[in-house]
Amino acid sequence: MFFLLFFVLLIQFFTYWIFDPLVSFLEYVLEIRLFPIIALIGLVFLFSEKNIEQN
């Protein structure tokens, strides 16, 4: 039982250690001040003629 608890805590620690910098970076990139730029790029890609011709 203690081995299982130790193993789960070890997995949680390494998951936090690996993914925390990635999450911090994505949180910075996807802030509200950058959202209009990301939305504009998404709309241009969505309504580009190349995508319309494929459909």
PDB file of N, CA and C in Angstrom:
ATOM      1  N   MET A   1       0.827  -1.192   0.000  1.00  0.00           N
ATOM      2  CA  MET A   1       0.000   0.000   0.000  1.00  0.00           C
ATOM      3  C   MET A   1       0.871   1.256   0.000  1.00  0.00           C
ATOM      4  N   PHE A   2       1.909   1.251   0.857  1.00  0.00           N
ATOM      5  CA  PHE A   2       2.795   2.410   0.903  1.00  0.00           C
ATOM      6  C   PHE A   2       3.610   2.532  -0.386  1.00  0.00           C
ATOM      7  N   PHE A   3       3.968   1.387  -0.947  1.00  0.00           N
ATOM      8  CA  PHE A   3       4.687   1.418  -2.216  1.00  0.00           C
ATOM      9  C   PHE A   3       3.827   2.029  -3.312  1.00  0.00           C
ATOM     10  N   LEU A   4       2.555   1.692  -3.344  1.00  0.00           N
ATOM     11  CA  LEU A   4       1.640   2.250  -4.326  1.00  0.00           C
ATOM     12  C   LEU A   4       1.487   3.750  -4.123  1.00  0.00           C
ATOM     13  N   LEU A   5       1.337   4.183  -2.885  1.00  0.00           N
ATOM     14  CA  LEU A   5       1.235   5.602  -2.588  1.00  0.00           C
ATOM     15  C   LEU A   5       2.503   6.349  -3.000  1.00  0.00           C
ATOM     16  N   PHE A   6       3.651   5.777  -2.696  1.00  0.00           N
ATOM     17  CA  PHE A   6       4.921   6.379  -3.092  1.00  0.00           C
ATOM     18  C   PHE A   6       5.036   6.470  -4.607  1.00  0.00           C
ATOM     19  N   PHE A   7       4.625   5.429  -5.309  1.00  0.00           N
ATOM     20  CA  PHE A   7       4.689   5.403  -6.761  1.00  0.00           C
ATOM     21  C   PHE A   7       3.779   6.472  -7.369  1.00  0.00           C
ATOM     22  N   VAL A   8       2.574   6.631  -6.849  1.00  0.00           N
ATOM     23  CA  VAL A   8       1.639   7.644  -7.343  1.00  0.00           C
ATOM     24  C   VAL A   8       2.188   9.043  -7.079  1.00  0.00           C
ATOM     25  N   LEU A   9       2.737   9.277  -5.892  1.00  0.00           N
ATOM     26  CA  LEU A   9       3.309  10.593  -5.598  1.00  0.00           C
ATOM     27  C   LEU A   9       4.518  10.889  -6.474  1.00  0.00           C
ATOM     28  N   LEU A  10       5.304   9.878  -6.787  1.00  0.00           N
ATOM     29  CA  LEU A  10       6.442  10.059  -7.677  1.00  0.00           C
ATOM     30  C   LEU A  10       5.983  10.419  -9.091  1.00  0.00           C
ATOM     31  N   ILE A  11       4.949   9.772  -9.574  1.00  0.00           N
ATOM     32  CA  ILE A  11       4.404  10.086 -10.897  1.00  0.00           C
ATOM     33  C   ILE A  11       3.863  11.510 -10.921  1.00  0.00           C
ATOM     34  N   GLN A  12       3.151  11.916  -9.871  1.00  0.00           N
ATOM     35  CA  GLN A  12       2.619  13.272  -9.820  1.00  0.00           C
ATOM     36  C   GLN A  12       3.737  14.303  -9.796  1.00  0.00           C
ATOM     37  N   PHE A  13       4.805  14.028  -9.063  1.00  0.00           N
ATOM     38  CA  PHE A  13       5.921  14.963  -8.994  1.00  0.00           C
ATOM     39  C   PHE A  13       6.572  15.136 -10.366  1.00  0.00           C
ATOM     40  N   PHE A  14       6.855  14.030 -11.051  1.00  0.00           N
ATOM     41  CA  PHE A  14       7.499  14.135 -12.351  1.00  0.00           C
ATOM     42  C   PHE A  14       6.575  14.740 -13.399  1.00  0.00           C
ATOM     43  N   THR A  15       5.282  14.482 -13.305  1.00  0.00           N
ATOM     44  CA  THR A  15       4.329  15.110 -14.221  1.00  0.00           C
ATOM     45  C   THR A  15       4.316  16.618 -14.022  1.00  0.00           C
ATOM     46  N   TYR A  16       4.316  17.062 -12.783  1.00  0.00           N
ATOM     47  CA  TYR A  16       4.363  18.492 -12.500  1.00  0.00           C
ATOM     48  C   TYR A  16       5.678  19.090 -12.985  1.00  0.00           C
ATOM     49  N   TRP A  17       6.770  18.392 -12.774  1.00  0.00           N
ATOM     50  CA  TRP A  17       8.095  18.885 -13.141  1.00  0.00           C
ATOM     51  C   TRP A  17       8.250  19.010 -14.655  1.00  0.00           C
ATOM     52  N   ILE A  18       7.636  18.092 -15.408  1.00  0.00           N
ATOM     53  CA  ILE A  18       7.745  18.109 -16.864  1.00  0.00           C
ATOM     54  C   ILE A  18       6.771  19.110 -17.479  1.00  0.00           C
ATOM     55  N   PHE A  19       5.520  19.121 -17.027  1.00  0.00           N
ATOM     56  CA  PHE A  19       4.493  19.906 -17.703  1.00  0.00           C
ATOM     57  C   PHE A  19       4.309  21.312 -17.157  1.00  0.00           C
ATOM     58  N   ASP A  20       4.865  21.655 -16.012  1.00  0.00           N
ATOM     59  CA  ASP A  20       4.687  23.001 -15.470  1.00  0.00           C
ATOM     60  C   ASP A  20       5.307  24.080 -16.358  1.00  0.00           C
ATOM     61  N   PRO A  21       6.535  23.908 -16.880  1.00  0.00           N
ATOM     62  CA  PRO A  21       7.050  24.947 -17.781  1.00  0.00           C
ATOM     63  C   PRO A  21       6.228  25.099 -19.059  1.00  0.00           C
ATOM     64  N   LEU A  22       5.729  23.981 -19.598  1.00  0.00           N
ATOM     65  CA  LEU A  22       4.901  24.036 -20.802  1.00  0.00           C
ATOM     66  C   LEU A  22       3.597  24.778 -20.534  1.00  0.00           C
ATOM     67  N   VAL A  23       2.967  24.508 -19.407  1.00  0.00           N
ATOM     68  CA  VAL A  23       1.713  25.165 -19.061  1.00  0.00           C
ATOM     69  C   VAL A  23       1.945  26.654 -18.809  1.00  0.00           C
ATOM     70  N   SER A  24       3.041  27.000 -18.156  1.00  0.00           N
ATOM     71  CA  SER A  24       3.355  28.410 -17.926  1.00  0.00           C
ATOM     72  C   SER A  24       3.562  29.149 -19.244  1.00  0.00           C
ATOM     73  N   PHE A  25       4.256  28.510 -20.195  1.00  0.00           N
ATOM     74  CA  PHE A  25       4.476  29.128 -21.497  1.00  0.00           C
ATOM     75  C   PHE A  25       3.162  29.319 -22.238  1.00  0.00           C
ATOM     76  N   LEU A  26       2.303  28.302 -22.247  1.00  0.00           N
ATOM     77  CA  LEU A  26       1.019  28.419 -22.935  1.00  0.00           C
ATOM     78  C   LEU A  26       0.121  29.459 -22.278  1.00  0.00           C
ATOM     79  N   GLU A  27       0.199  29.565 -20.952  1.00  0.00           N
ATOM     80  CA  GLU A  27      -0.580  30.580 -20.259  1.00  0.00           C
ATOM     81  C   GLU A  27      -0.124  31.975 -20.664  1.00  0.00           C
ATOM     82  N   TYR A  28       1.176  32.168 -20.852  1.00  0.00           N
ATOM     83  CA  TYR A  28       1.683  33.468 -21.279  1.00  0.00           C
ATOM     84  C   TYR A  28       1.283  33.769 -22.718  1.00  0.00           C
ATOM     85  N   VAL A  29       1.388  32.764 -23.600  1.00  0.00           N
ATOM     86  CA  VAL A  29       1.096  32.970 -25.015  1.00  0.00           C
ATOM     87  C   VAL A  29      -0.391  33.220 -25.237  1.00  0.00           C
ATOM     88  N   LEU A  30      -1.229  32.522 -24.504  1.00  0.00           N
ATOM     89  CA  LEU A  30      -2.675  32.600 -24.735  1.00  0.00           C
ATOM     90  C   LEU A  30      -3.374  33.606 -23.821  1.00  0.00           C
ATOM     91  N   GLU A  31      -2.641  34.627 -23.379  1.00  0.00           N
ATOM     92  CA  GLU A  31      -3.281  35.652 -22.562  1.00  0.00           C
ATOM     93  C   GLU A  31      -4.297  36.430 -23.398  1.00  0.00           C
ATOM     94  N   ILE A  32      -5.133  37.175 -22.725  1.00  0.00           N
ATOM     95  CA  ILE A  32      -6.204  37.906 -23.398  1.00  0.00           C
ATOM     96  C   ILE A  32      -5.646  38.924 -24.392  1.00  0.00           C
ATOM     97  N   ARG A  33      -4.496  39.520 -24.103  1.00  0.00           N
ATOM     98  CA  ARG A  33      -3.970  40.542 -25.009  1.00  0.00           C
ATOM     99  C   ARG A  33      -3.519  39.957 -26.335  1.00  0.00           C
ATOM    100  N   LEU A  34      -3.195  38.665 -26.380  1.00  0.00           N
ATOM    101  CA  LEU A  34      -2.801  38.033 -27.631  1.00  0.00           C
ATOM    102  C   LEU A  34      -3.957  37.309 -28.311  1.00  0.00           C
ATOM    103  N   PHE A  35      -5.112  37.257 -27.661  1.00  0.00           N
ATOM    104  CA  PHE A  35      -6.230  36.517 -28.226  1.00  0.00           C
ATOM    105  C   PHE A  35      -6.729  37.088 -29.551  1.00  0.00           C
ATOM    106  N   PRO A  36      -6.822  38.432 -29.742  1.00  0.00           N
ATOM    107  CA  PRO A  36      -7.278  38.934 -31.047  1.00  0.00           C
ATOM    108  C   PRO A  36      -6.380  38.512 -32.202  1.00  0.00           C
ATOM    109  N   ILE A  37      -5.081  38.459 -31.987  1.00  0.00           N
ATOM    110  CA  ILE A  37      -4.168  38.043 -33.050  1.00  0.00           C
ATOM    111  C   ILE A  37      -4.401  36.573 -33.399  1.00  0.00           C
ATOM    112  N   ILE A  38      -4.523  35.742 -32.371  1.00  0.00           N
ATOM    113  CA  ILE A  38      -4.757  34.313 -32.600  1.00  0.00           C
ATOM    114  C   ILE A  38      -6.106  34.099 -33.281  1.00  0.00           C
ATOM    115  N   ALA A  39      -7.131  34.839 -32.869  1.00  0.00           N
ATOM    116  CA  ALA A  39      -8.454  34.702 -33.479  1.00  0.00           C
ATOM    117  C   ALA A  39      -8.437  35.163 -34.929  1.00  0.00           C
ATOM    118  N   LEU A  40      -7.706  36.231 -35.228  1.00  0.00           N
ATOM    119  CA  LEU A  40      -7.626  36.713 -36.597  1.00  0.00           C
ATOM    120  C   LEU A  40      -6.923  35.703 -37.501  1.00  0.00           C
ATOM    121  N   ILE A  41      -5.848  35.117 -37.030  1.00  0.00           N
ATOM    122  CA  ILE A  41      -5.154  34.084 -37.810  1.00  0.00           C
ATOM    123  C   ILE A  41      -6.074  32.883 -38.031  1.00  0.00           C
ATOM    124  N   GLY A  42      -6.819  32.508 -37.003  1.00  0.00           N
ATOM    125  CA  GLY A  42      -7.760  31.397 -37.143  1.00  0.00           C
ATOM    126  C   GLY A  42      -8.859  31.684 -38.146  1.00  0.00           C
ATOM    127  N   LEU A  43      -9.391  32.906 -38.141  1.00  0.00           N
ATOM    128  CA  LEU A  43     -10.437  33.257 -39.101  1.00  0.00           C
ATOM    129  C   LEU A  43      -9.898  33.306 -40.528  1.00  0.00           C
ATOM    130  N   VAL A  44      -8.689  33.847 -40.711  1.00  0.00           N
ATOM    131  CA  VAL A  44      -8.094  33.870 -42.046  1.00  0.00           C
ATOM    132  C   VAL A  44      -7.889  32.452 -42.561  1.00  0.00           C
ATOM    133  N   PHE A  45      -7.396  31.564 -41.699  1.00  0.00           N
ATOM    134  CA  PHE A  45      -7.205  30.174 -42.115  1.00  0.00           C
ATOM    135  C   PHE A  45      -8.541  29.492 -42.400  1.00  0.00           C
ATOM    136  N   LEU A  46      -9.554  29.797 -41.612  1.00  0.00           N
ATOM    137  CA  LEU A  46     -10.851  29.159 -41.781  1.00  0.00           C
ATOM    138  C   LEU A  46     -11.522  29.567 -43.084  1.00  0.00           C
ATOM    139  N   PHE A  47     -11.394  30.860 -43.435  1.00  0.00           N
ATOM    140  CA  PHE A  47     -12.092  31.363 -44.610  1.00  0.00           C
ATOM    141  C   PHE A  47     -11.176  31.573 -45.809  1.00  0.00           C
ATOM    142  N   SER A  48     -10.021  30.944 -45.813  1.00  0.00           N
ATOM    143  CA  SER A  48      -9.140  31.087 -46.971  1.00  0.00           C
ATOM    144  C   SER A  48      -9.716  30.303 -48.153  1.00  0.00           C
ATOM    145  N   GLU A  49      -9.391  30.746 -49.347  1.00  0.00           N
ATOM    146  CA  GLU A  49      -9.945  30.110 -50.549  1.00  0.00           C
ATOM    147  C   GLU A  49      -9.432  28.697 -50.735  1.00  0.00           C
ATOM    148  N   LYS A  50      -8.239  28.425 -50.253  1.00  0.00           N
ATOM    149  CA  LYS A  50      -7.708  27.077 -50.403  1.00  0.00           C
ATOM    150  C   LYS A  50      -8.591  26.063 -49.660  1.00  0.00           C
ATOM    151  N   ASN A  51      -9.057  26.428 -48.473  1.00  0.00           N
ATOM    152  CA  ASN A  51      -9.943  25.523 -47.733  1.00  0.00           C
ATOM    153  C   ASN A  51     -11.312  25.439 -48.382  1.00  0.00           C
ATOM    154  N   ILE A  52     -11.793  26.530 -48.983  1.00  0.00           N
ATOM    155  CA  ILE A  52     -13.100  26.504 -49.627  1.00  0.00           C
ATOM    156  C   ILE A  52     -13.076  25.603 -50.862  1.00  0.00           C
ATOM    157  N   GLU A  53     -11.965  25.653 -51.622  1.00  0.00           N
ATOM    158  CA  GLU A  53     -11.847  24.808 -52.804  1.00  0.00           C
ATOM    159  C   GLU A  53     -11.786  23.334 -52.450  1.00  0.00           C
ATOM    160  N   GLN A  54     -11.195  22.997 -51.340  1.00  0.00           N
ATOM    161  CA  GLN A  54     -11.109  21.589 -50.934  1.00  0.00           C
ATOM    162  C   GLN A  54     -12.463  21.039 -50.530  1.00  0.00           C
ATOM    163  N   ASN A  55     -13.333  21.898 -49.966  1.00  0.00           N
ATOM    164  CA  ASN A  55     -14.665  21.445 -49.571  1.00  0.00           C
ATOM    165  C   ASN A  55     -15.528  21.438 -50.796  1.00  0.00           C
TER     166      ASN A  55
END
